[in-house]
Amino acid sequence: MVELSIDLGDEESDHAFQQQLSSLALETVVNQTLHQAGITQPVILTLLITNDETIQALNQQYRQQDKPTDVLSFPLLDRPLANAPADQLWIPPEEAGGTASKHIFITPSELTTELTTNLGDIVISWPTVLRQAAEKGHSPTYELLYLLSHGVLHLVGYDDQTEAGYQAMIQIQQAVMEATRGKASSHE
């Protein structure tokens, strides 16, 4: 289940974008990504689509990088959920020798049960999606769904800080996009 929030800076833009997103099968991409990663249990995650200013502030606060980025993921898991080689996964904070700077996110109780795992939050910058789609020569819809898949992979444990992790994530994202082609969007 995907809990979607949109904050592009003004209500009119938010409403227009919400209408545009209604034709996208965001859940299809999330479910296909989870399937490709071998995750079968029920999950919930939060997706915020926002502007460059908001994502830049989050990037500065949590990654000490004072610039906008395309996607940020904030996993709530203590350990990776994905079953993959260690060089493809993020390291739990206690094993990395650091102290966990636990981000506190509150999920409404009606969205969780004992059987549902809250994976965390994904934040995507719509202006960056538009720029990257133009640079890469594909639709903004494709770029958005590709980044959503990328964010989900981070939530379940994948890390692209190693070449092995990066390659594994790209391979899964491409498989997801191929599997959902035609199902994920009517705008392609």
N, C-alpha and C. Protein backbone atom coordinates (compact mmCIF):
# COMPACT_ATOMS: atom_id res chain seq x y z
N MET A 1 0.84 -1.18 0.00
CA MET A 1 0.00 0.00 0.00
C MET A 1 0.88 1.24 0.00
N VAL A 2 0.58 2.18 -0.86
CA VAL A 2 1.33 3.43 -0.98
C VAL A 2 0.46 4.56 -0.47
N GLU A 3 0.97 5.27 0.52
CA GLU A 3 0.31 6.47 1.03
C GLU A 3 0.97 7.65 0.32
N LEU A 4 0.23 8.36 -0.53
CA LEU A 4 0.79 9.41 -1.38
C LEU A 4 0.50 10.79 -0.83
N SER A 5 1.54 11.63 -0.81
CA SER A 5 1.39 13.05 -0.48
C SER A 5 2.06 13.86 -1.58
N ILE A 6 1.47 15.00 -1.89
CA ILE A 6 2.04 15.88 -2.91
C ILE A 6 2.17 17.27 -2.31
N ASP A 7 3.37 17.85 -2.45
CA ASP A 7 3.62 19.21 -1.97
C ASP A 7 4.57 19.89 -2.95
N LEU A 8 3.98 20.48 -3.98
CA LEU A 8 4.79 21.15 -5.01
C LEU A 8 4.92 22.64 -4.75
N GLY A 9 4.34 23.11 -3.67
CA GLY A 9 4.50 24.52 -3.32
C GLY A 9 3.23 25.33 -3.30
N ASP A 10 2.21 24.88 -4.06
CA ASP A 10 0.92 25.58 -4.00
C ASP A 10 -0.20 24.59 -4.28
N GLU A 11 -1.38 24.89 -3.73
CA GLU A 11 -2.50 23.97 -3.81
C GLU A 11 -2.95 23.67 -5.23
N GLU A 12 -2.92 24.68 -6.09
CA GLU A 12 -3.36 24.47 -7.48
C GLU A 12 -2.46 23.45 -8.19
N SER A 13 -1.14 23.60 -8.03
CA SER A 13 -0.21 22.64 -8.63
C SER A 13 -0.39 21.26 -8.03
N ASP A 14 -0.57 21.21 -6.70
CA ASP A 14 -0.76 19.92 -6.03
C ASP A 14 -1.98 19.20 -6.58
N HIS A 15 -3.09 19.93 -6.73
CA HIS A 15 -4.34 19.33 -7.22
C HIS A 15 -4.19 18.84 -8.66
N ALA A 16 -3.59 19.67 -9.50
CA ALA A 16 -3.39 19.29 -10.92
C ALA A 16 -2.51 18.05 -11.02
N PHE A 17 -1.47 18.01 -10.21
CA PHE A 17 -0.56 16.87 -10.24
C PHE A 17 -1.25 15.62 -9.72
N GLN A 18 -2.06 15.77 -8.68
CA GLN A 18 -2.81 14.63 -8.13
C GLN A 18 -3.71 14.01 -9.21
N GLN A 19 -4.34 14.85 -10.01
CA GLN A 19 -5.20 14.35 -11.10
C GLN A 19 -4.37 13.61 -12.14
N GLN A 20 -3.20 14.15 -12.46
CA GLN A 20 -2.31 13.50 -13.43
C GLN A 20 -1.85 12.13 -12.90
N LEU A 21 -1.54 12.05 -11.61
CA LEU A 21 -1.06 10.80 -11.02
C LEU A 21 -2.13 9.73 -10.91
N SER A 22 -3.38 10.14 -10.91
CA SER A 22 -4.45 9.15 -10.73
C SER A 22 -4.45 8.09 -11.82
N SER A 23 -3.90 8.42 -12.99
CA SER A 23 -3.87 7.43 -14.07
C SER A 23 -2.63 6.53 -14.00
N LEU A 24 -1.72 6.83 -13.09
CA LEU A 24 -0.52 6.00 -12.95
C LEU A 24 -0.77 4.88 -11.94
N ALA A 25 -0.22 3.75 -12.23
CA ALA A 25 -0.34 2.63 -11.30
C ALA A 25 0.91 2.59 -10.42
N LEU A 26 1.00 3.54 -9.50
CA LEU A 26 2.14 3.59 -8.59
C LEU A 26 2.27 2.27 -7.83
N GLU A 27 1.13 1.76 -7.37
CA GLU A 27 1.14 0.50 -6.61
C GLU A 27 1.66 -0.65 -7.45
N THR A 28 1.39 -0.63 -8.76
CA THR A 28 1.89 -1.68 -9.64
C THR A 28 3.41 -1.70 -9.64
N VAL A 29 4.02 -0.53 -9.74
CA VAL A 29 5.47 -0.45 -9.74
C VAL A 29 6.03 -0.87 -8.38
N VAL A 30 5.42 -0.42 -7.31
CA VAL A 30 5.87 -0.82 -5.97
C VAL A 30 5.77 -2.34 -5.82
N ASN A 31 4.62 -2.90 -6.18
CA ASN A 31 4.43 -4.35 -6.04
C ASN A 31 5.39 -5.15 -6.91
N GLN A 32 5.62 -4.69 -8.12
CA GLN A 32 6.54 -5.38 -9.03
C GLN A 32 7.98 -5.29 -8.49
N THR A 33 8.35 -4.14 -7.94
CA THR A 33 9.68 -3.98 -7.35
C THR A 33 9.85 -4.93 -6.17
N LEU A 34 8.85 -4.99 -5.31
CA LEU A 34 8.91 -5.91 -4.17
C LEU A 34 9.02 -7.36 -4.65
N HIS A 35 8.23 -7.70 -5.67
CA HIS A 35 8.28 -9.06 -6.23
C HIS A 35 9.67 -9.38 -6.77
N GLN A 36 10.24 -8.45 -7.55
CA GLN A 36 11.57 -8.65 -8.12
C GLN A 36 12.64 -8.78 -7.03
N ALA A 37 12.41 -8.12 -5.89
CA ALA A 37 13.36 -8.17 -4.78
C ALA A 37 13.09 -9.34 -3.85
N GLY A 38 12.06 -10.13 -4.14
CA GLY A 38 11.75 -11.31 -3.33
C GLY A 38 11.01 -11.01 -2.05
N ILE A 39 10.37 -9.87 -1.96
CA ILE A 39 9.61 -9.49 -0.76
C ILE A 39 8.15 -9.86 -0.99
N THR A 40 7.62 -10.73 -0.13
CA THR A 40 6.25 -11.21 -0.32
C THR A 40 5.29 -10.77 0.77
N GLN A 41 5.80 -10.25 1.86
CA GLN A 41 4.92 -9.87 2.96
C GLN A 41 4.21 -8.55 2.68
N PRO A 42 3.08 -8.31 3.31
CA PRO A 42 2.37 -7.05 3.12
C PRO A 42 3.18 -5.89 3.69
N VAL A 43 3.25 -4.80 2.92
CA VAL A 43 4.02 -3.64 3.35
C VAL A 43 3.23 -2.37 3.10
N ILE A 44 3.71 -1.32 3.72
CA ILE A 44 3.18 0.02 3.49
C ILE A 44 4.39 0.94 3.38
N LEU A 45 4.25 1.99 2.57
CA LEU A 45 5.29 3.01 2.49
C LEU A 45 4.61 4.33 2.16
N THR A 46 5.33 5.39 2.44
CA THR A 46 4.83 6.73 2.17
C THR A 46 5.65 7.34 1.04
N LEU A 47 4.96 7.94 0.08
CA LEU A 47 5.61 8.61 -1.04
C LEU A 47 5.22 10.07 -1.02
N LEU A 48 6.23 10.95 -0.97
CA LEU A 48 6.01 12.39 -1.07
C LEU A 48 6.62 12.87 -2.37
N ILE A 49 5.82 13.49 -3.20
CA ILE A 49 6.31 14.13 -4.41
C ILE A 49 6.31 15.62 -4.13
N THR A 50 7.48 16.22 -4.29
CA THR A 50 7.65 17.59 -3.84
C THR A 50 8.46 18.41 -4.84
N ASN A 51 8.92 19.57 -4.39
CA ASN A 51 9.71 20.46 -5.24
C ASN A 51 11.19 20.39 -4.88
N ASP A 52 12.02 21.07 -5.65
CA ASP A 52 13.46 21.04 -5.43
C ASP A 52 13.86 21.64 -4.07
N GLU A 53 13.16 22.70 -3.65
CA GLU A 53 13.50 23.34 -2.39
C GLU A 53 13.33 22.39 -1.20
N THR A 54 12.22 21.67 -1.18
CA THR A 54 11.97 20.75 -0.07
C THR A 54 12.96 19.60 -0.07
N ILE A 55 13.19 19.01 -1.24
CA ILE A 55 14.12 17.87 -1.27
C ILE A 55 15.55 18.33 -0.98
N GLN A 56 15.90 19.56 -1.38
CA GLN A 56 17.23 20.08 -1.05
C GLN A 56 17.39 20.23 0.46
N ALA A 57 16.37 20.73 1.13
CA ALA A 57 16.43 20.88 2.59
C ALA A 57 16.58 19.52 3.26
N LEU A 58 15.85 18.52 2.78
CA LEU A 58 15.97 17.16 3.34
C LEU A 58 17.34 16.57 3.04
N ASN A 59 17.84 16.79 1.84
CA ASN A 59 19.14 16.28 1.44
C ASN A 59 20.24 16.90 2.32
N GLN A 60 20.11 18.19 2.62
CA GLN A 60 21.06 18.87 3.50
C GLN A 60 20.97 18.32 4.92
N GLN A 61 19.75 18.19 5.41
CA GLN A 61 19.55 17.75 6.80
C GLN A 61 20.02 16.32 7.04
N TYR A 62 19.70 15.41 6.12
CA TYR A 62 19.97 13.99 6.37
C TYR A 62 21.21 13.44 5.68
N ARG A 63 21.70 14.13 4.63
CA ARG A 63 22.87 13.62 3.91
C ARG A 63 23.99 14.66 3.82
N GLN A 64 23.79 15.83 4.43
CA GLN A 64 24.76 16.91 4.42
C GLN A 64 25.19 17.29 3.00
N GLN A 65 24.24 17.22 2.07
CA GLN A 65 24.47 17.63 0.68
C GLN A 65 23.48 18.74 0.35
N ASP A 66 23.99 19.95 0.22
CA ASP A 66 23.14 21.12 0.03
C ASP A 66 22.81 21.33 -1.45
N LYS A 67 22.06 20.38 -1.99
CA LYS A 67 21.63 20.46 -3.39
C LYS A 67 20.38 19.60 -3.56
N PRO A 68 19.56 19.93 -4.56
CA PRO A 68 18.41 19.06 -4.81
C PRO A 68 18.90 17.72 -5.36
N THR A 69 18.11 16.71 -5.18
CA THR A 69 18.40 15.39 -5.71
C THR A 69 17.10 14.83 -6.28
N ASP A 70 17.16 13.69 -6.93
CA ASP A 70 15.95 13.15 -7.53
C ASP A 70 15.08 12.38 -6.54
N VAL A 71 15.72 11.53 -5.73
CA VAL A 71 14.95 10.68 -4.81
C VAL A 71 15.73 10.48 -3.52
N LEU A 72 15.01 10.52 -2.40
CA LEU A 72 15.56 10.19 -1.09
C LEU A 72 14.70 9.08 -0.50
N SER A 73 15.34 8.17 0.20
CA SER A 73 14.62 7.09 0.87
C SER A 73 15.00 7.10 2.35
N PHE A 74 14.00 6.90 3.18
CA PHE A 74 14.19 6.87 4.62
C PHE A 74 13.64 5.54 5.15
N PRO A 75 14.48 4.50 5.16
CA PRO A 75 14.00 3.19 5.62
C PRO A 75 13.71 3.19 7.12
N LEU A 76 12.67 2.49 7.49
CA LEU A 76 12.34 2.33 8.91
C LEU A 76 12.85 1.00 9.46
N LEU A 77 13.34 0.15 8.60
CA LEU A 77 13.80 -1.17 9.03
C LEU A 77 15.14 -1.06 9.75
N ASP A 78 15.36 -1.93 10.72
CA ASP A 78 16.64 -1.99 11.41
C ASP A 78 17.67 -2.74 10.59
N ARG A 79 17.20 -3.65 9.75
CA ARG A 79 18.06 -4.47 8.92
C ARG A 79 17.43 -4.59 7.54
N PRO A 80 18.24 -4.85 6.52
CA PRO A 80 17.67 -5.05 5.18
C PRO A 80 16.66 -6.22 5.18
N LEU A 81 15.60 -6.03 4.47
CA LEU A 81 14.57 -7.06 4.30
C LEU A 81 14.90 -7.95 3.11
N ALA A 82 15.60 -7.38 2.14
CA ALA A 82 15.96 -8.13 0.93
C ALA A 82 17.01 -9.19 1.25
N ASN A 83 16.90 -10.31 0.58
CA ASN A 83 17.88 -11.38 0.71
C ASN A 83 18.80 -11.29 -0.50
N ALA A 84 19.94 -10.64 -0.32
CA ALA A 84 20.89 -10.42 -1.41
C ALA A 84 22.29 -10.46 -0.81
N PRO A 85 23.31 -10.59 -1.66
CA PRO A 85 24.69 -10.57 -1.15
C PRO A 85 24.96 -9.29 -0.35
N ALA A 86 25.76 -9.40 0.68
CA ALA A 86 26.04 -8.27 1.57
C ALA A 86 26.57 -7.05 0.85
N ASP A 87 27.32 -7.24 -0.24
CA ASP A 87 27.89 -6.08 -0.94
C ASP A 87 26.85 -5.32 -1.77
N GLN A 88 25.59 -5.79 -1.75
CA GLN A 88 24.51 -5.08 -2.45
C GLN A 88 23.57 -4.36 -1.48
N LEU A 89 23.78 -4.56 -0.18
CA LEU A 89 22.85 -4.07 0.83
C LEU A 89 23.49 -3.01 1.71
N TRP A 90 22.63 -2.16 2.30
CA TRP A 90 23.13 -1.22 3.29
C TRP A 90 23.43 -1.97 4.58
N ILE A 91 24.32 -1.38 5.35
CA ILE A 91 24.76 -2.01 6.60
C ILE A 91 23.95 -1.40 7.73
N PRO A 92 23.37 -2.26 8.60
CA PRO A 92 22.65 -1.71 9.76
C PRO A 92 23.59 -0.80 10.56
N PRO A 93 23.09 0.34 11.06
CA PRO A 93 23.93 1.33 11.73
C PRO A 93 24.80 0.75 12.85
N GLU A 94 24.24 -0.17 13.63
CA GLU A 94 25.02 -0.71 14.73
C GLU A 94 26.20 -1.56 14.25
N GLU A 95 26.08 -2.16 13.05
CA GLU A 95 27.17 -2.94 12.48
C GLU A 95 28.19 -2.05 11.78
N ALA A 96 27.79 -0.86 11.41
CA ALA A 96 28.69 0.06 10.72
C ALA A 96 29.58 0.81 11.71
N GLY A 97 29.38 0.55 12.99
CA GLY A 97 30.21 1.20 14.00
C GLY A 97 29.72 2.57 14.39
N GLY A 98 28.60 2.97 13.83
CA GLY A 98 28.05 4.29 14.15
C GLY A 98 26.84 4.15 15.04
N THR A 99 26.36 5.26 15.45
CA THR A 99 25.13 5.24 16.22
C THR A 99 24.00 5.54 15.25
N ALA A 100 22.92 4.86 15.44
CA ALA A 100 21.77 5.04 14.56
C ALA A 100 21.13 6.39 14.84
N SER A 101 21.01 7.21 13.81
CA SER A 101 20.26 8.44 13.96
C SER A 101 18.86 8.12 13.47
N LYS A 102 18.07 7.58 14.36
CA LYS A 102 16.76 7.07 14.02
C LYS A 102 15.82 8.22 13.69
N HIS A 103 15.29 8.19 12.48
CA HIS A 103 14.30 9.18 12.07
C HIS A 103 12.96 8.69 12.58
N ILE A 104 12.18 9.57 13.15
CA ILE A 104 10.90 9.17 13.68
C ILE A 104 9.81 9.60 12.72
N PHE A 105 9.13 8.60 12.16
CA PHE A 105 8.02 8.83 11.26
C PHE A 105 6.80 8.18 11.91
N ILE A 106 5.70 8.82 11.83
CA ILE A 106 4.49 8.28 12.44
C ILE A 106 3.52 7.90 11.35
N THR A 107 3.15 6.62 11.34
CA THR A 107 2.19 6.13 10.38
C THR A 107 0.84 6.04 11.08
N PRO A 108 -0.21 6.58 10.47
CA PRO A 108 -1.53 6.48 11.10
C PRO A 108 -1.88 5.04 11.41
N SER A 109 -2.46 4.81 12.59
CA SER A 109 -2.74 3.45 13.06
C SER A 109 -3.67 2.69 12.13
N GLU A 110 -4.55 3.40 11.41
CA GLU A 110 -5.46 2.69 10.50
C GLU A 110 -4.73 2.11 9.30
N LEU A 111 -3.48 2.52 9.08
CA LEU A 111 -2.73 2.01 7.93
C LEU A 111 -1.82 0.84 8.30
N THR A 112 -1.71 0.53 9.57
CA THR A 112 -0.80 -0.55 9.97
C THR A 112 -1.54 -1.64 10.73
N THR A 113 -1.01 -2.82 10.61
CA THR A 113 -1.48 -3.96 11.40
C THR A 113 -0.25 -4.72 11.81
N GLU A 114 -0.43 -5.74 12.63
CA GLU A 114 0.70 -6.56 13.04
C GLU A 114 1.31 -7.27 11.84
N LEU A 115 0.53 -7.46 10.77
CA LEU A 115 0.99 -8.22 9.63
C LEU A 115 1.62 -7.35 8.54
N THR A 116 1.54 -6.04 8.69
CA THR A 116 2.05 -5.13 7.68
C THR A 116 3.36 -4.52 8.16
N THR A 117 4.36 -4.54 7.30
CA THR A 117 5.65 -3.94 7.61
C THR A 117 5.71 -2.54 7.01
N ASN A 118 5.97 -1.54 7.84
CA ASN A 118 6.14 -0.18 7.34
C ASN A 118 7.58 -0.04 6.89
N LEU A 119 7.77 0.10 5.57
CA LEU A 119 9.12 0.18 5.02
C LEU A 119 9.76 1.55 5.24
N GLY A 120 8.97 2.61 5.24
CA GLY A 120 9.52 3.95 5.42
C GLY A 120 8.97 4.92 4.41
N ASP A 121 9.77 5.93 4.10
CA ASP A 121 9.32 7.04 3.26
C ASP A 121 10.23 7.23 2.06
N ILE A 122 9.62 7.62 0.95
CA ILE A 122 10.34 7.98 -0.27
C ILE A 122 9.92 9.40 -0.62
N VAL A 123 10.91 10.23 -0.98
CA VAL A 123 10.64 11.61 -1.40
C VAL A 123 11.23 11.77 -2.80
N ILE A 124 10.41 12.26 -3.72
CA ILE A 124 10.85 12.47 -5.11
C ILE A 124 10.59 13.92 -5.50
N SER A 125 11.59 14.53 -6.14
CA SER A 125 11.44 15.91 -6.62
C SER A 125 10.89 15.91 -8.04
N TRP A 126 9.69 16.46 -8.22
CA TRP A 126 9.07 16.52 -9.55
C TRP A 126 9.88 17.38 -10.53
N PRO A 127 10.37 18.57 -10.14
CA PRO A 127 11.17 19.34 -11.11
C PRO A 127 12.42 18.57 -11.57
N THR A 128 13.04 17.81 -10.68
CA THR A 128 14.20 17.02 -11.06
C THR A 128 13.79 15.88 -11.98
N VAL A 129 12.64 15.28 -11.73
CA VAL A 129 12.11 14.24 -12.62
C VAL A 129 11.98 14.81 -14.04
N LEU A 130 11.41 16.00 -14.14
CA LEU A 130 11.21 16.63 -15.46
C LEU A 130 12.54 16.88 -16.17
N ARG A 131 13.53 17.39 -15.42
CA ARG A 131 14.85 17.66 -16.01
C ARG A 131 15.53 16.37 -16.47
N GLN A 132 15.53 15.36 -15.60
CA GLN A 132 16.21 14.10 -15.93
C GLN A 132 15.53 13.39 -17.10
N ALA A 133 14.21 13.42 -17.14
CA ALA A 133 13.49 12.78 -18.25
C ALA A 133 13.87 13.44 -19.57
N ALA A 134 13.94 14.77 -19.57
CA ALA A 134 14.33 15.49 -20.79
C ALA A 134 15.76 15.15 -21.19
N GLU A 135 16.66 15.09 -20.22
CA GLU A 135 18.07 14.76 -20.50
C GLU A 135 18.22 13.35 -21.06
N LYS A 136 17.41 12.42 -20.54
CA LYS A 136 17.54 11.01 -20.92
C LYS A 136 16.66 10.65 -22.12
N GLY A 137 15.78 11.56 -22.51
CA GLY A 137 14.96 11.33 -23.68
C GLY A 137 13.81 10.36 -23.48
N HIS A 138 13.29 10.30 -22.26
CA HIS A 138 12.07 9.51 -22.05
C HIS A 138 11.04 10.35 -21.29
N SER A 139 9.88 9.77 -21.08
CA SER A 139 8.78 10.54 -20.50
C SER A 139 8.99 10.78 -19.00
N PRO A 140 8.43 11.88 -18.49
CA PRO A 140 8.47 12.11 -17.04
C PRO A 140 7.81 10.97 -16.27
N THR A 141 6.79 10.37 -16.83
CA THR A 141 6.12 9.24 -16.19
C THR A 141 7.10 8.09 -15.98
N TYR A 142 7.84 7.76 -17.02
CA TYR A 142 8.83 6.68 -16.91
C TYR A 142 9.85 7.02 -15.83
N GLU A 143 10.36 8.24 -15.83
CA GLU A 143 11.38 8.66 -14.86
C GLU A 143 10.83 8.57 -13.44
N LEU A 144 9.61 9.05 -13.22
CA LEU A 144 8.99 9.00 -11.90
C LEU A 144 8.87 7.56 -11.41
N LEU A 145 8.37 6.67 -12.26
CA LEU A 145 8.17 5.28 -11.86
C LEU A 145 9.51 4.57 -11.64
N TYR A 146 10.51 4.91 -12.45
CA TYR A 146 11.85 4.34 -12.30
C TYR A 146 12.44 4.76 -10.95
N LEU A 147 12.29 6.04 -10.59
CA LEU A 147 12.79 6.53 -9.31
C LEU A 147 12.00 5.94 -8.14
N LEU A 148 10.71 5.74 -8.32
CA LEU A 148 9.91 5.09 -7.28
C LEU A 148 10.45 3.69 -7.02
N SER A 149 10.72 2.94 -8.07
CA SER A 149 11.29 1.60 -7.93
C SER A 149 12.63 1.66 -7.20
N HIS A 150 13.45 2.64 -7.57
CA HIS A 150 14.75 2.84 -6.92
C HIS A 150 14.58 3.08 -5.42
N GLY A 151 13.64 3.96 -5.08
CA GLY A 151 13.38 4.26 -3.67
C GLY A 151 12.92 3.05 -2.89
N VAL A 152 12.05 2.25 -3.49
CA VAL A 152 11.56 1.03 -2.83
C VAL A 152 12.73 0.08 -2.55
N LEU A 153 13.62 -0.05 -3.52
CA LEU A 153 14.78 -0.93 -3.33
C LEU A 153 15.64 -0.46 -2.15
N HIS A 154 15.81 0.84 -2.01
CA HIS A 154 16.54 1.34 -0.84
C HIS A 154 15.80 1.00 0.45
N LEU A 155 14.48 1.13 0.46
CA LEU A 155 13.72 0.84 1.67
C LEU A 155 13.86 -0.61 2.12
N VAL A 156 13.96 -1.53 1.16
CA VAL A 156 14.05 -2.95 1.54
C VAL A 156 15.48 -3.41 1.78
N GLY A 157 16.46 -2.51 1.56
CA GLY A 157 17.81 -2.86 1.95
C GLY A 157 18.90 -2.68 0.93
N TYR A 158 18.55 -2.45 -0.32
CA TYR A 158 19.59 -2.30 -1.34
C TYR A 158 20.32 -0.96 -1.18
N ASP A 159 21.60 -0.96 -1.54
CA ASP A 159 22.42 0.24 -1.46
C ASP A 159 23.23 0.35 -2.74
N ASP A 160 23.26 1.53 -3.32
CA ASP A 160 23.99 1.73 -4.57
C ASP A 160 25.36 2.39 -4.35
N GLN A 161 25.88 2.32 -3.13
CA GLN A 161 27.19 2.89 -2.84
C GLN A 161 28.33 1.98 -3.28
N THR A 162 28.02 0.72 -3.60
CA THR A 162 29.02 -0.19 -4.17
C THR A 162 28.61 -0.48 -5.61
N GLU A 163 29.57 -0.89 -6.42
CA GLU A 163 29.27 -1.21 -7.82
C GLU A 163 28.30 -2.39 -7.89
N ALA A 164 28.49 -3.38 -7.01
CA ALA A 164 27.60 -4.55 -7.01
C ALA A 164 26.16 -4.14 -6.66
N GLY A 165 26.02 -3.29 -5.67
CA GLY A 165 24.69 -2.82 -5.28
C GLY A 165 24.05 -1.98 -6.37
N TYR A 166 24.84 -1.09 -6.96
CA TYR A 166 24.35 -0.25 -8.04
C TYR A 166 23.86 -1.10 -9.21
N GLN A 167 24.66 -2.07 -9.63
CA GLN A 167 24.29 -2.93 -10.76
C GLN A 167 23.05 -3.76 -10.45
N ALA A 168 22.96 -4.27 -9.22
CA ALA A 168 21.78 -5.06 -8.83
C ALA A 168 20.52 -4.20 -8.87
N MET A 169 20.62 -2.97 -8.38
CA MET A 169 19.46 -2.08 -8.37
C MET A 169 19.04 -1.73 -9.79
N ILE A 170 19.99 -1.40 -10.65
CA ILE A 170 19.67 -1.05 -12.05
C ILE A 170 18.99 -2.23 -12.73
N GLN A 171 19.51 -3.42 -12.51
CA GLN A 171 18.93 -4.62 -13.13
C GLN A 171 17.49 -4.84 -12.68
N ILE A 172 17.25 -4.69 -11.39
CA ILE A 172 15.89 -4.87 -10.87
C ILE A 172 14.97 -3.77 -11.40
N GLN A 173 15.43 -2.52 -11.38
CA GLN A 173 14.60 -1.42 -11.87
C GLN A 173 14.23 -1.61 -13.34
N GLN A 174 15.18 -2.04 -14.14
CA GLN A 174 14.89 -2.25 -15.56
C GLN A 174 13.89 -3.40 -15.73
N ALA A 175 14.03 -4.46 -14.94
CA ALA A 175 13.08 -5.58 -15.01
C ALA A 175 11.68 -5.12 -14.60
N VAL A 176 11.61 -4.27 -13.59
CA VAL A 176 10.32 -3.74 -13.13
C VAL A 176 9.67 -2.91 -14.24
N MET A 177 10.45 -2.03 -14.85
CA MET A 177 9.90 -1.17 -15.88
C MET A 177 9.46 -1.99 -17.09
N GLU A 178 10.19 -3.02 -17.41
CA GLU A 178 9.81 -3.89 -18.53
C GLU A 178 8.52 -4.66 -18.19
N ALA A 179 8.44 -5.17 -16.97
CA ALA A 179 7.26 -5.94 -16.55
C ALA A 179 6.01 -5.08 -16.44
N THR A 180 6.19 -3.81 -16.13
CA THR A 180 5.02 -2.94 -15.94
C THR A 180 4.71 -2.09 -17.17
N ARG A 181 5.51 -2.22 -18.21
CA ARG A 181 5.26 -1.42 -19.43
C ARG A 181 3.83 -1.68 -19.90
N GLY A 182 3.11 -0.61 -20.11
CA GLY A 182 1.72 -0.74 -20.55
C GLY A 182 0.76 -0.81 -19.39
N LYS A 183 1.19 -1.45 -18.28
CA LYS A 183 0.34 -1.53 -17.10
C LYS A 183 0.50 -0.30 -16.22
N ALA A 184 1.73 0.22 -16.17
CA ALA A 184 2.04 1.28 -15.22
C ALA A 184 1.54 2.65 -15.64
N SER A 185 1.37 2.87 -16.91
CA SER A 185 0.99 4.21 -17.34
C SER A 185 0.28 4.20 -18.67
N SER A 186 -0.64 5.08 -18.80
CA SER A 186 -1.28 5.26 -20.09
C SER A 186 -0.65 6.43 -20.83
N HIS A 187 0.41 7.03 -20.23
CA HIS A 187 1.06 8.20 -20.84
C HIS A 187 2.31 7.86 -21.62
N GLU A 188 2.73 6.62 -21.69
CA GLU A 188 3.97 6.27 -22.39
C GLU A 188 3.85 6.46 -23.87
